[in-house]
């Protein structure tokens, strides 16, 4: 039977499918993950099958192809983010999919185009998602699905922290902890493309030798365990002292960044460290302390700012200078496994999970 897409001026047939769209009636269901209360993702996230409702005038229907499981998603489900969705909610901040239907007044996207989401907490852990046209960004179908699926969180967070808090130039050095996280890997690759050195600190209990090899392979200048970094009593590396520190963790991981940071340097707290009280300014009164949350930036950024950032990252992907963080594809029915291996790892995880809807 044929599948039809609603477009301006009528219905368009796009080939064979098991789904039938009629003039005003269709029969389409979607398997969604959802949660109705904040808490432990292993307890509050459930799966259900729902009927896909009709579109409003400026909405688009997207058949999801891939959607990652991010530490940021875990924090949202736990209720730990400064900005939280209304409940009940579908989890998932980012993903890639194909537009299969558009509302009557949609003008920025057409059926058949591939899109990623550019706004947060809209829900991507679902087979079909409905979004406002302003919240989707058309991308080339030639971009590999992993890079497309993980385009709008980790790379964008890394991009903004490198661009917005310190004027960086080739030869400068950035130091970061949680370097094996998706954001950490994005920082490494962006800095490599821009000629900036990276000193990267990771935990020693997460298969360090393999992690180190992988991070060096994607462009890290140097990789240390926390203990190795703490032994740098004086800054004796072959690169310049870091002027920017990216802090995703507290405690000793935070302390070592502050100790190695250059005079009048800048430190940015994000991720797991976003809500840590900034009280160590008394130890380094010369340092500029900042916080960053992509959701807060996204709420005030213009469409042009988002497009410029996205296009620059996509160009690096096309040039082969940016790869998706290390990942493992899963069917959405295996969501418990993905949550179990993300909730208790977060910044220390060595593998990221991606719900791959093309597997079903």
C-alpha atoms as a PDB file:
ATOM      1  CA  UNK A   1       0.000   0.000   0.000  1.00  0.00           C
ATOM      2  CA  UNK A   2       1.131   3.603  -0.524  1.00  0.00           C
ATOM      3  CA  UNK A   3       2.253   6.135   2.062  1.00  0.00           C
ATOM      4  CA  UNK A   4       1.183   9.766   1.605  1.00  0.00           C
ATOM      5  CA  UNK A   5       2.696  12.912   3.107  1.00  0.00           C
ATOM      6  CA  UNK A   6       0.745  16.066   3.744  1.00  0.00           C
ATOM      7  CA  UNK A   7       2.279  18.972   1.828  1.00  0.00           C
ATOM      8  CA  UNK A   8       1.053  22.362   0.788  1.00  0.00           C
ATOM      9  CA  UNK A   9      -1.540  21.811  -1.928  1.00  0.00           C
ATOM     10  CA  UNK A  10      -2.500  18.252  -1.078  1.00  0.00           C
ATOM     11  CA  UNK A  11      -1.117  14.795  -0.438  1.00  0.00           C
ATOM     12  CA  UNK A  12       2.008  13.319  -2.008  1.00  0.00           C
ATOM     13  CA  UNK A  13       2.689   9.622  -2.494  1.00  0.00           C
ATOM     14  CA  UNK A  14       6.194   8.549  -1.482  1.00  0.00           C
ATOM     15  CA  UNK A  15       6.168   4.861  -2.296  1.00  0.00           C
ATOM     16  CA  UNK A  16       5.224   1.668  -0.573  1.00  0.00           C
ATOM     17  CA  UNK A  17       4.729   1.324   3.161  1.00  0.00           C
ATOM     18  CA  UNK A  18       2.697  -0.589   5.696  1.00  0.00           C
ATOM     19  CA  UNK A  19       1.196   2.700   6.930  1.00  0.00           C
ATOM     20  CA  UNK A  20      -1.765   4.300   5.173  1.00  0.00           C
ATOM     21  CA  UNK A  21      -2.581   8.025   5.364  1.00  0.00           C
ATOM     22  CA  UNK A  22      -6.040   9.121   4.240  1.00  0.00           C
ATOM     23  CA  UNK A  23      -7.352  12.589   3.628  1.00  0.00           C
ATOM     24  CA  UNK A  24      -7.913  13.451   7.304  1.00  0.00           C
ATOM     25  CA  UNK A  25      -7.524  10.106   9.021  1.00  0.00           C
ATOM     26  CA  UNK A  26      -4.468   7.942   9.563  1.00  0.00           C
ATOM     27  CA  UNK A  27      -3.559   4.927  11.592  1.00  0.00           C
ATOM     28  CA  UNK A  28      -0.099   5.426  13.065  1.00  0.00           C
ATOM     29  CA  UNK A  29       1.323   4.385  16.423  1.00  0.00           C
ATOM     30  CA  UNK A  30       4.669   5.025  18.040  1.00  0.00           C
ATOM     31  CA  UNK A  31       6.681   3.217  20.695  1.00  0.00           C
ATOM     32  CA  UNK A  32       7.796   5.873  23.176  1.00  0.00           C
ATOM     33  CA  UNK A  33       9.807   5.913  26.353  1.00  0.00           C
ATOM     34  CA  UNK A  34       8.327   8.279  28.941  1.00  0.00           C
ATOM     35  CA  UNK A  35       8.453   9.282  32.597  1.00  0.00           C
ATOM     36  CA  UNK A  36       5.756  10.854  34.757  1.00  0.00           C
ATOM     37  CA  UNK A  37       7.929  11.805  37.736  1.00  0.00           C
ATOM     38  CA  UNK A  38      11.521  12.804  38.333  1.00  0.00           C
ATOM     39  CA  UNK A  39      13.779  10.241  39.943  1.00  0.00           C
ATOM     40  CA  UNK A  40      16.028   7.264  39.273  1.00  0.00           C
ATOM     41  CA  UNK A  41      15.737   6.561  35.520  1.00  0.00           C
ATOM     42  CA  UNK A  42      15.733   2.822  36.206  1.00  0.00           C
ATOM     43  CA  UNK A  43      12.545   3.266  38.227  1.00  0.00           C
ATOM     44  CA  UNK A  44      10.637   6.048  36.473  1.00  0.00           C
ATOM     45  CA  UNK A  45      11.259   5.445  32.750  1.00  0.00           C
ATOM     46  CA  UNK A  46       8.726   3.186  31.033  1.00  0.00           C
ATOM     47  CA  UNK A  47       7.801   2.196  27.470  1.00  0.00           C
ATOM     48  CA  UNK A  48       4.360   2.496  25.922  1.00  0.00           C
ATOM     49  CA  UNK A  49       2.777   2.457  22.483  1.00  0.00           C
ATOM     50  CA  UNK A  50       0.660   5.501  21.649  1.00  0.00           C
ATOM     51  CA  UNK A  51      -1.346   6.772  18.732  1.00  0.00           C
ATOM     52  CA  UNK A  52       0.318   9.627  16.870  1.00  0.00           C
ATOM     53  CA  UNK A  53      -2.038  12.638  16.944  1.00  0.00           C
ATOM     54  CA  UNK A  54      -2.791  14.920  13.979  1.00  0.00           C
ATOM     55  CA  UNK A  55      -0.328  17.724  13.322  1.00  0.00           C
ATOM     56  CA  UNK A  56      -0.951  21.362  14.131  1.00  0.00           C
ATOM     57  CA  UNK A  57      -0.279  23.980  11.474  1.00  0.00           C
ATOM     58  CA  UNK A  58       3.433  24.518  12.167  1.00  0.00           C
ATOM     59  CA  UNK A  59       4.364  21.023  13.294  1.00  0.00           C
ATOM     60  CA  UNK A  60       6.374  18.327  11.550  1.00  0.00           C
ATOM     61  CA  UNK A  61       6.232  14.569  12.051  1.00  0.00           C
ATOM     62  CA  UNK A  62       9.669  12.944  12.210  1.00  0.00           C
ATOM     63  CA  UNK A  63      10.432   9.255  12.020  1.00  0.00           C
ATOM     64  CA  UNK A  64      13.427   8.968  14.320  1.00  0.00           C
ATOM     65  CA  UNK A  65      16.464   7.105  13.009  1.00  0.00           C
ATOM     66  CA  UNK A  66      18.844   7.381  15.952  1.00  0.00           C
ATOM     67  CA  UNK A  67      18.844   9.042  19.379  1.00  0.00           C
ATOM     68  CA  UNK A  68      21.673   8.907  21.939  1.00  0.00           C
ATOM     69  CA  UNK A  69      21.512   8.427  25.696  1.00  0.00           C
ATOM     70  CA  UNK A  70      23.378  11.383  27.185  1.00  0.00           C
ATOM     71  CA  UNK A  71      24.438  12.128  30.776  1.00  0.00           C
ATOM     72  CA  UNK A  72      22.367  15.304  30.290  1.00  0.00           C
ATOM     73  CA  UNK A  73      19.302  13.137  29.636  1.00  0.00           C
ATOM     74  CA  UNK A  74      19.955  11.254  32.870  1.00  0.00           C
ATOM     75  CA  UNK A  75      20.259  14.517  34.808  1.00  0.00           C
ATOM     76  CA  UNK A  76      16.956  15.741  33.361  1.00  0.00           C
ATOM     77  CA  UNK A  77      15.113  12.543  34.298  1.00  0.00           C
ATOM     78  CA  UNK A  78      16.589  12.807  37.806  1.00  0.00           C
ATOM     79  CA  UNK A  79      15.310  16.392  38.078  1.00  0.00           C
ATOM     80  CA  UNK A  80      18.815  17.791  38.463  1.00  0.00           C
ATOM     81  CA  UNK A  81      18.890  20.247  35.562  1.00  0.00           C
ATOM     82  CA  UNK A  82      18.185  23.975  36.101  1.00  0.00           C
ATOM     83  CA  UNK A  83      15.559  23.791  33.338  1.00  0.00           C
ATOM     84  CA  UNK A  84      13.135  20.858  33.441  1.00  0.00           C
ATOM     85  CA  UNK A  85      10.308  19.682  31.145  1.00  0.00           C
ATOM     86  CA  UNK A  86       6.649  19.465  32.055  1.00  0.00           C
ATOM     87  CA  UNK A  87       5.561  15.964  32.996  1.00  0.00           C
ATOM     88  CA  UNK A  88       4.757  13.451  31.690  1.00  0.00           C
ATOM     89  CA  UNK A  89       7.595  13.730  29.196  1.00  0.00           C
ATOM     90  CA  UNK A  90       9.458  11.742  26.571  1.00  0.00           C
ATOM     91  CA  UNK A  91      13.196  11.683  27.383  1.00  0.00           C
ATOM     92  CA  UNK A  92      15.942  12.470  24.908  1.00  0.00           C
ATOM     93  CA  UNK A  93      17.500  15.798  24.012  1.00  0.00           C
ATOM     94  CA  UNK A  94      18.880  15.015  20.590  1.00  0.00           C
ATOM     95  CA  UNK A  95      18.448  12.748  17.623  1.00  0.00           C
ATOM     96  CA  UNK A  96      18.176  12.517  13.866  1.00  0.00           C
ATOM     97  CA  UNK A  97      15.233  11.511  11.730  1.00  0.00           C
ATOM     98  CA  UNK A  98      13.388  11.899   8.440  1.00  0.00           C
ATOM     99  CA  UNK A  99      10.401  14.200   8.029  1.00  0.00           C
ATOM    100  CA  UNK A 100       7.362  12.193   6.950  1.00  0.00           C
ATOM    101  CA  UNK A 101       4.567  14.753   7.276  1.00  0.00           C
ATOM    102  CA  UNK A 102       4.230  18.521   7.720  1.00  0.00           C
ATOM    103  CA  UNK A 103       1.503  20.868   8.934  1.00  0.00           C
ATOM    104  CA  UNK A 104      -0.441  23.195   6.662  1.00  0.00           C
ATOM    105  CA  UNK A 105       1.671  26.293   7.414  1.00  0.00           C
ATOM    106  CA  UNK A 106       5.136  24.727   7.570  1.00  0.00           C
ATOM    107  CA  UNK A 107       7.512  26.436   5.154  1.00  0.00           C
ATOM    108  CA  UNK A 108      11.051  25.653   6.400  1.00  0.00           C
ATOM    109  CA  UNK A 109      11.115  21.892   5.831  1.00  0.00           C
ATOM    110  CA  UNK A 110       9.683  19.367   3.389  1.00  0.00           C
ATOM    111  CA  UNK A 111       8.744  15.679   3.673  1.00  0.00           C
ATOM    112  CA  UNK A 112      11.710  13.450   2.949  1.00  0.00           C
ATOM    113  CA  UNK A 113      14.294  15.830   4.408  1.00  0.00           C
ATOM    114  CA  UNK A 114      16.596  14.707   7.205  1.00  0.00           C
ATOM    115  CA  UNK A 115      16.614  16.810  10.357  1.00  0.00           C
ATOM    116  CA  UNK A 116      18.161  17.106  13.804  1.00  0.00           C
ATOM    117  CA  UNK A 117      16.609  18.894  16.778  1.00  0.00           C
ATOM    118  CA  UNK A 118      18.074  22.233  17.808  1.00  0.00           C
ATOM    119  CA  UNK A 119      16.050  22.791  20.992  1.00  0.00           C
ATOM    120  CA  UNK A 120      16.259  20.860  24.248  1.00  0.00           C
ATOM    121  CA  UNK A 121      13.919  18.479  26.056  1.00  0.00           C
ATOM    122  CA  UNK A 122      11.554  17.870  23.147  1.00  0.00           C
ATOM    123  CA  UNK A 123      11.765  14.079  23.434  1.00  0.00           C
ATOM    124  CA  UNK A 124      13.610  11.853  20.959  1.00  0.00           C
ATOM    125  CA  UNK A 125      13.401   8.401  22.580  1.00  0.00           C
ATOM    126  CA  UNK A 126      10.454   7.500  20.377  1.00  0.00           C
ATOM    127  CA  UNK A 127       9.779   5.967  16.981  1.00  0.00           C
ATOM    128  CA  UNK A 128       7.834   9.039  15.809  1.00  0.00           C
ATOM    129  CA  UNK A 129       8.137  12.562  17.188  1.00  0.00           C
ATOM    130  CA  UNK A 130       6.131  15.729  16.570  1.00  0.00           C
ATOM    131  CA  UNK A 131       8.070  19.002  16.718  1.00  0.00           C
ATOM    132  CA  UNK A 132       7.589  22.645  15.787  1.00  0.00           C
ATOM    133  CA  UNK A 133       9.341  23.526  12.544  1.00  0.00           C
ATOM    134  CA  UNK A 134      11.501  26.106  14.374  1.00  0.00           C
ATOM    135  CA  UNK A 135      13.039  23.313  16.460  1.00  0.00           C
ATOM    136  CA  UNK A 136      14.393  21.216  13.571  1.00  0.00           C
ATOM    137  CA  UNK A 137      17.462  21.826  11.436  1.00  0.00           C
ATOM    138  CA  UNK A 138      17.775  20.266   7.974  1.00  0.00           C
ATOM    139  CA  UNK A 139      21.028  18.364   7.422  1.00  0.00           C
ATOM    140  CA  UNK A 140      22.530  16.384   4.573  1.00  0.00           C
ATOM    141  CA  UNK A 141      21.475  12.728   4.425  1.00  0.00           C
ATOM    142  CA  UNK A 142      25.134  11.983   3.628  1.00  0.00           C
ATOM    143  CA  UNK A 143      26.212  12.726   7.215  1.00  0.00           C
ATOM    144  CA  UNK A 144      26.636   9.359   8.997  1.00  0.00           C
ATOM    145  CA  UNK A 145      23.821   8.608  11.452  1.00  0.00           C
ATOM    146  CA  UNK A 146      26.063   8.475  14.582  1.00  0.00           C
ATOM    147  CA  UNK A 147      27.515  11.930  13.870  1.00  0.00           C
ATOM    148  CA  UNK A 148      24.064  13.310  13.022  1.00  0.00           C
ATOM    149  CA  UNK A 149      22.410  11.765  16.095  1.00  0.00           C
ATOM    150  CA  UNK A 150      25.041  13.173  18.461  1.00  0.00           C
ATOM    151  CA  UNK A 151      25.406  16.543  16.758  1.00  0.00           C
ATOM    152  CA  UNK A 152      23.487  18.939  18.971  1.00  0.00           C
ATOM    153  CA  UNK A 153      24.576  18.301  22.594  1.00  0.00           C
ATOM    154  CA  UNK A 154      28.209  17.352  23.175  1.00  0.00           C
ATOM    155  CA  UNK A 155      29.724  19.105  20.125  1.00  0.00           C
ATOM    156  CA  UNK A 156      27.649  22.242  20.717  1.00  0.00           C
ATOM    157  CA  UNK A 157      28.487  22.317  24.443  1.00  0.00           C
ATOM    158  CA  UNK A 158      32.180  21.966  23.614  1.00  0.00           C
ATOM    159  CA  UNK A 159      31.943  24.604  20.883  1.00  0.00           C
ATOM    160  CA  UNK A 160      30.299  27.194  23.108  1.00  0.00           C
ATOM    161  CA  UNK A 161      32.678  26.667  26.043  1.00  0.00           C
ATOM    162  CA  UNK A 162      35.679  27.041  23.754  1.00  0.00           C
ATOM    163  CA  UNK A 163      34.271  30.137  22.024  1.00  0.00           C
ATOM    164  CA  UNK A 164      32.362  32.085  24.683  1.00  0.00           C
ATOM    165  CA  UNK A 165      34.573  32.367  27.765  1.00  0.00           C
ATOM    166  CA  UNK A 166      38.126  32.917  26.530  1.00  0.00           C
ATOM    167  CA  UNK A 167      39.577  34.154  23.266  1.00  0.00           C
ATOM    168  CA  UNK A 168      41.615  31.139  22.184  1.00  0.00           C
ATOM    169  CA  UNK A 169      44.290  31.130  19.482  1.00  0.00           C
ATOM    170  CA  UNK A 170      46.381  28.382  17.890  1.00  0.00           C
ATOM    171  CA  UNK A 171      49.077  27.200  20.292  1.00  0.00           C
ATOM    172  CA  UNK A 172      46.991  27.911  23.420  1.00  0.00           C
ATOM    173  CA  UNK A 173      46.188  25.066  25.793  1.00  0.00           C
ATOM    174  CA  UNK A 174      42.928  23.808  27.312  1.00  0.00           C
ATOM    175  CA  UNK A 175      42.831  21.456  30.294  1.00  0.00           C
ATOM    176  CA  UNK A 176      39.763  19.351  31.085  1.00  0.00           C
ATOM    177  CA  UNK A 177      38.579  16.512  33.290  1.00  0.00           C
ATOM    178  CA  UNK A 178      36.035  13.858  32.191  1.00  0.00           C
ATOM    179  CA  UNK A 179      37.917  13.895  28.900  1.00  0.00           C
ATOM    180  CA  UNK A 180      36.475  10.524  27.852  1.00  0.00           C
ATOM    181  CA  UNK A 181      32.883  11.838  27.995  1.00  0.00           C
ATOM    182  CA  UNK A 182      31.112  12.796  24.736  1.00  0.00           C
ATOM    183  CA  UNK A 183      31.751  16.467  25.481  1.00  0.00           C
ATOM    184  CA  UNK A 184      35.384  15.758  26.361  1.00  0.00           C
ATOM    185  CA  UNK A 185      35.909  13.936  23.074  1.00  0.00           C
ATOM    186  CA  UNK A 186      34.254  16.843  21.256  1.00  0.00           C
ATOM    187  CA  UNK A 187      36.584  19.335  22.965  1.00  0.00           C
ATOM    188  CA  UNK A 188      39.591  17.300  21.827  1.00  0.00           C
ATOM    189  CA  UNK A 189      38.472  17.158  18.198  1.00  0.00           C
ATOM    190  CA  UNK A 190      37.481  20.831  17.950  1.00  0.00           C
ATOM    191  CA  UNK A 191      40.777  21.904  19.518  1.00  0.00           C
ATOM    192  CA  UNK A 192      42.713  19.646  17.159  1.00  0.00           C
ATOM    193  CA  UNK A 193      40.960  21.236  14.176  1.00  0.00           C
ATOM    194  CA  UNK A 194      41.677  24.739  15.523  1.00  0.00           C
ATOM    195  CA  UNK A 195      45.318  24.141  16.498  1.00  0.00           C
ATOM    196  CA  UNK A 196      44.700  24.269  20.258  1.00  0.00           C
ATOM    197  CA  UNK A 197      46.470  21.887  22.668  1.00  0.00           C
ATOM    198  CA  UNK A 198      44.460  19.744  25.099  1.00  0.00           C
ATOM    199  CA  UNK A 199      45.564  18.267  28.419  1.00  0.00           C
ATOM    200  CA  UNK A 200      43.034  15.598  29.328  1.00  0.00           C
ATOM    201  CA  UNK A 201      42.364  14.015  32.718  1.00  0.00           C
ATOM    202  CA  UNK A 202      40.473  10.737  33.037  1.00  0.00           C
ATOM    203  CA  UNK A 203      39.785   8.262  35.820  1.00  0.00           C
ATOM    204  CA  UNK A 204      42.210   5.374  36.290  1.00  0.00           C
ATOM    205  CA  UNK A 205      39.451   2.775  36.834  1.00  0.00           C
ATOM    206  CA  UNK A 206      37.809   2.937  33.404  1.00  0.00           C
ATOM    207  CA  UNK A 207      40.212   0.947  31.228  1.00  0.00           C
ATOM    208  CA  UNK A 208      42.706   3.793  31.238  1.00  0.00           C
ATOM    209  CA  UNK A 209      45.173   2.433  28.689  1.00  0.00           C
ATOM    210  CA  UNK A 210      42.438   1.870  26.089  1.00  0.00           C
ATOM    211  CA  UNK A 211      40.875   5.261  26.851  1.00  0.00           C
ATOM    212  CA  UNK A 212      44.242   6.982  26.532  1.00  0.00           C
ATOM    213  CA  UNK A 213      44.947   5.300  23.196  1.00  0.00           C
ATOM    214  CA  UNK A 214      41.554   6.301  21.812  1.00  0.00           C
ATOM    215  CA  UNK A 215      41.811   9.920  22.974  1.00  0.00           C
ATOM    216  CA  UNK A 216      45.301  10.314  21.522  1.00  0.00           C
ATOM    217  CA  UNK A 217      44.004   8.839  18.271  1.00  0.00           C
ATOM    218  CA  UNK A 218      41.304  11.507  17.925  1.00  0.00           C
ATOM    219  CA  UNK A 219      43.754  14.337  18.624  1.00  0.00           C
ATOM    220  CA  UNK A 220      44.468  14.715  22.351  1.00  0.00           C
ATOM    221  CA  UNK A 221      47.814  16.369  23.080  1.00  0.00           C
ATOM    222  CA  UNK A 222      48.290  14.490  26.365  1.00  0.00           C
ATOM    223  CA  UNK A 223      46.177  12.208  28.579  1.00  0.00           C
ATOM    224  CA  UNK A 224      46.678  11.711  32.330  1.00  0.00           C
ATOM    225  CA  UNK A 225      44.988   9.826  35.118  1.00  0.00           C
ATOM    226  CA  UNK A 226      43.979  11.993  38.053  1.00  0.00           C
ATOM    227  CA  UNK A 227      46.940  10.656  40.028  1.00  0.00           C
ATOM    228  CA  UNK A 228      49.383  11.427  37.205  1.00  0.00           C
ATOM    229  CA  UNK A 229      48.025  14.960  36.871  1.00  0.00           C
ATOM    230  CA  UNK A 230      48.380  15.523  40.611  1.00  0.00           C
ATOM    231  CA  UNK A 231      52.053  14.590  40.375  1.00  0.00           C
ATOM    232  CA  UNK A 232      52.723  17.489  38.022  1.00  0.00           C
ATOM    233  CA  UNK A 233      54.015  19.565  40.918  1.00  0.00           C
ATOM    234  CA  UNK A 234      55.405  22.056  38.452  1.00  0.00           C
ATOM    235  CA  UNK A 235      54.079  22.499  34.965  1.00  0.00           C
ATOM    236  CA  UNK A 236      56.687  20.549  33.035  1.00  0.00           C
ATOM    237  CA  UNK A 237      54.930  19.582  29.809  1.00  0.00           C
ATOM    238  CA  UNK A 238      56.039  20.564  26.330  1.00  0.00           C
ATOM    239  CA  UNK A 239      52.967  22.760  25.738  1.00  0.00           C
ATOM    240  CA  UNK A 240      51.990  26.147  27.073  1.00  0.00           C
ATOM    241  CA  UNK A 241      50.317  26.358  30.466  1.00  0.00           C
ATOM    242  CA  UNK A 242      46.514  26.085  30.069  1.00  0.00           C
ATOM    243  CA  UNK A 243      44.548  29.331  29.989  1.00  0.00           C
ATOM    244  CA  UNK A 244      41.128  27.622  29.929  1.00  0.00           C
ATOM    245  CA  UNK A 245      39.899  24.791  32.175  1.00  0.00           C
ATOM    246  CA  UNK A 246      36.686  22.847  31.580  1.00  0.00           C
ATOM    247  CA  UNK A 247      35.399  21.304  34.797  1.00  0.00           C
ATOM    248  CA  UNK A 248      32.777  18.544  34.675  1.00  0.00           C
ATOM    249  CA  UNK A 249      33.605  17.052  38.099  1.00  0.00           C
ATOM    250  CA  UNK A 250      34.264  18.175  41.657  1.00  0.00           C
ATOM    251  CA  UNK A 251      36.702  17.245  44.391  1.00  0.00           C
ATOM    252  CA  UNK A 252      40.228  16.313  43.379  1.00  0.00           C
ATOM    253  CA  UNK A 253      39.319  16.521  39.679  1.00  0.00           C
ATOM    254  CA  UNK A 254      38.417  20.182  40.213  1.00  0.00           C
ATOM    255  CA  UNK A 255      41.454  20.906  42.403  1.00  0.00           C
ATOM    256  CA  UNK A 256      43.985  19.699  39.849  1.00  0.00           C
ATOM    257  CA  UNK A 257      42.532  21.974  37.152  1.00  0.00           C
ATOM    258  CA  UNK A 258      42.825  25.005  39.406  1.00  0.00           C
ATOM    259  CA  UNK A 259      46.383  24.150  40.354  1.00  0.00           C
ATOM    260  CA  UNK A 260      47.586  23.743  36.755  1.00  0.00           C
ATOM    261  CA  UNK A 261      45.610  26.667  35.280  1.00  0.00           C
ATOM    262  CA  UNK A 262      47.683  29.666  34.208  1.00  0.00           C
ATOM    263  CA  UNK A 263      47.598  32.986  36.039  1.00  0.00           C
ATOM    264  CA  UNK A 264      44.423  34.939  35.212  1.00  0.00           C
ATOM    265  CA  UNK A 265      43.041  31.816  33.567  1.00  0.00           C
ATOM    266  CA  UNK A 266      39.381  30.918  33.056  1.00  0.00           C
ATOM    267  CA  UNK A 267      37.503  27.906  34.408  1.00  0.00           C
ATOM    268  CA  UNK A 268      34.052  26.799  33.260  1.00  0.00           C
ATOM    269  CA  UNK A 269      31.814  24.544  35.384  1.00  0.00           C
ATOM    270  CA  UNK A 270      29.381  22.387  33.398  1.00  0.00           C
ATOM    271  CA  UNK A 271      27.702  18.989  33.394  1.00  0.00           C
ATOM    272  CA  UNK A 272      28.011  17.188  36.714  1.00  0.00           C
ATOM    273  CA  UNK A 273      29.839  20.219  38.147  1.00  0.00           C
ATOM    274  CA  UNK A 274      27.267  22.791  37.063  1.00  0.00           C
ATOM    275  CA  UNK A 275      25.626  23.022  40.488  1.00  0.00           C
ATOM    276  CA  UNK A 276      28.818  22.704  42.554  1.00  0.00           C
ATOM    277  CA  UNK A 277      29.182  25.787  44.793  1.00  0.00           C
ATOM    278  CA  UNK A 278      31.947  27.994  43.416  1.00  0.00           C
ATOM    279  CA  UNK A 279      33.841  28.489  46.655  1.00  0.00           C
ATOM    280  CA  UNK A 280      37.420  27.861  45.538  1.00  0.00           C
ATOM    281  CA  UNK A 281      37.864  31.352  44.180  1.00  0.00           C
ATOM    282  CA  UNK A 282      39.541  32.085  47.525  1.00  0.00           C
ATOM    283  CA  UNK A 283      42.312  29.687  46.460  1.00  0.00           C
ATOM    284  CA  UNK A 284      42.740  31.316  43.045  1.00  0.00           C
ATOM    285  CA  UNK A 285      41.503  34.876  43.269  1.00  0.00           C
ATOM    286  CA  UNK A 286      43.121  35.596  39.891  1.00  0.00           C
ATOM    287  CA  UNK A 287      40.963  33.026  38.066  1.00  0.00           C
ATOM    288  CA  UNK A 288      37.696  33.857  36.280  1.00  0.00           C
ATOM    289  CA  UNK A 289      34.970  31.401  37.374  1.00  0.00           C
ATOM    290  CA  UNK A 290      32.008  30.662  35.083  1.00  0.00           C
ATOM    291  CA  UNK A 291      29.113  28.232  34.646  1.00  0.00           C
ATOM    292  CA  UNK A 292      27.663  26.925  31.399  1.00  0.00           C
ATOM    293  CA  UNK A 293      24.496  25.037  30.549  1.00  0.00           C
ATOM    294  CA  UNK A 294      23.571  24.494  26.912  1.00  0.00           C
ATOM    295  CA  UNK A 295      19.853  24.656  27.679  1.00  0.00           C
ATOM    296  CA  UNK A 296      20.222  28.144  29.129  1.00  0.00           C
ATOM    297  CA  UNK A 297      22.252  29.282  26.119  1.00  0.00           C
ATOM    298  CA  UNK A 298      19.752  27.707  23.758  1.00  0.00           C
ATOM    299  CA  UNK A 299      16.858  29.600  25.356  1.00  0.00           C
ATOM    300  CA  UNK A 300      18.346  32.954  24.352  1.00  0.00           C
ATOM    301  CA  UNK A 301      20.329  32.140  21.214  1.00  0.00           C
ATOM    302  CA  UNK A 302      19.035  33.273  17.849  1.00  0.00           C
ATOM    303  CA  UNK A 303      18.310  30.918  14.975  1.00  0.00           C
ATOM    304  CA  UNK A 304      21.272  32.481  13.146  1.00  0.00           C
ATOM    305  CA  UNK A 305      23.662  31.753  16.037  1.00  0.00           C
ATOM    306  CA  UNK A 306      22.502  28.152  16.165  1.00  0.00           C
ATOM    307  CA  UNK A 307      22.802  27.724  12.409  1.00  0.00           C
ATOM    308  CA  UNK A 308      26.317  29.188  12.274  1.00  0.00           C
ATOM    309  CA  UNK A 309      27.511  26.882  15.053  1.00  0.00           C
ATOM    310  CA  UNK A 310      25.821  23.834  13.551  1.00  0.00           C
ATOM    311  CA  UNK A 311      27.156  24.483  10.063  1.00  0.00           C
ATOM    312  CA  UNK A 312      30.726  24.877  11.321  1.00  0.00           C
ATOM    313  CA  UNK A 313      30.549  21.566  13.166  1.00  0.00           C
ATOM    314  CA  UNK A 314      28.950  19.856  10.155  1.00  0.00           C
ATOM    315  CA  UNK A 315      31.752  21.190   7.942  1.00  0.00           C
ATOM    316  CA  UNK A 316      34.308  19.519  10.225  1.00  0.00           C
ATOM    317  CA  UNK A 317      32.344  16.258   9.977  1.00  0.00           C
ATOM    318  CA  UNK A 318      32.313  16.496   6.177  1.00  0.00           C
ATOM    319  CA  UNK A 319      36.077  17.161   6.192  1.00  0.00           C
ATOM    320  CA  UNK A 320      36.651  14.074   8.338  1.00  0.00           C
ATOM    321  CA  UNK A 321      37.916  16.163  11.267  1.00  0.00           C
ATOM    322  CA  UNK A 322      35.093  15.287  13.651  1.00  0.00           C
ATOM    323  CA  UNK A 323      33.776  11.835  14.531  1.00  0.00           C
ATOM    324  CA  UNK A 324      30.972  10.729  16.830  1.00  0.00           C
ATOM    325  CA  UNK A 325      32.011   9.817  20.390  1.00  0.00           C
ATOM    326  CA  UNK A 326      32.607   6.100  20.931  1.00  0.00           C
ATOM    327  CA  UNK A 327      29.153   4.509  20.904  1.00  0.00           C
ATOM    328  CA  UNK A 328      27.171   1.259  20.940  1.00  0.00           C
ATOM    329  CA  UNK A 329      23.858   1.010  18.983  1.00  0.00           C
ATOM    330  CA  UNK A 330      20.863  -0.564  20.716  1.00  0.00           C
ATOM    331  CA  UNK A 331      17.223  -1.224  19.926  1.00  0.00           C
ATOM    332  CA  UNK A 332      14.937   0.932  22.055  1.00  0.00           C
ATOM    333  CA  UNK A 333      13.477  -2.176  23.699  1.00  0.00           C
ATOM    334  CA  UNK A 334      16.870  -2.575  25.409  1.00  0.00           C
ATOM    335  CA  UNK A 335      16.545   0.772  27.160  1.00  0.00           C
ATOM    336  CA  UNK A 336      17.036  -0.728  30.636  1.00  0.00           C
ATOM    337  CA  UNK A 337      20.511  -1.921  29.646  1.00  0.00           C
ATOM    338  CA  UNK A 338      21.395   1.522  28.266  1.00  0.00           C
ATOM    339  CA  UNK A 339      20.179   3.278  31.413  1.00  0.00           C
ATOM    340  CA  UNK A 340      21.952   0.857  33.747  1.00  0.00           C
ATOM    341  CA  UNK A 341      25.254   1.489  32.019  1.00  0.00           C
ATOM    342  CA  UNK A 342      24.839   5.256  31.866  1.00  0.00           C
ATOM    343  CA  UNK A 343      23.247   6.197  35.199  1.00  0.00           C
ATOM    344  CA  UNK A 344      26.111   4.904  37.316  1.00  0.00           C
ATOM    345  CA  UNK A 345      28.924   5.962  34.962  1.00  0.00           C
ATOM    346  CA  UNK A 346      28.052   9.380  33.540  1.00  0.00           C
ATOM    347  CA  UNK A 347      31.341  11.267  33.051  1.00  0.00           C
ATOM    348  CA  UNK A 348      33.371   8.078  33.569  1.00  0.00           C
ATOM    349  CA  UNK A 349      31.597   6.077  30.846  1.00  0.00           C
ATOM    350  CA  UNK A 350      33.805   4.688  28.088  1.00  0.00           C
ATOM    351  CA  UNK A 351      30.938   3.872  25.697  1.00  0.00           C
ATOM    352  CA  UNK A 352      27.869   5.892  24.801  1.00  0.00           C
ATOM    353  CA  UNK A 353      24.604   4.233  23.854  1.00  0.00           C
ATOM    354  CA  UNK A 354      22.493   5.204  20.855  1.00  0.00           C
ATOM    355  CA  UNK A 355      18.946   3.994  20.240  1.00  0.00           C
ATOM    356  CA  UNK A 356      19.112   2.912  16.599  1.00  0.00           C
ATOM    357  CA  UNK A 357      15.596   2.749  15.152  1.00  0.00           C
ATOM    358  CA  UNK A 358      16.876   1.293  11.902  1.00  0.00           C
ATOM    359  CA  UNK A 359      17.581  -1.979  13.746  1.00  0.00           C
ATOM    360  CA  UNK A 360      13.877  -2.733  14.255  1.00  0.00           C
END
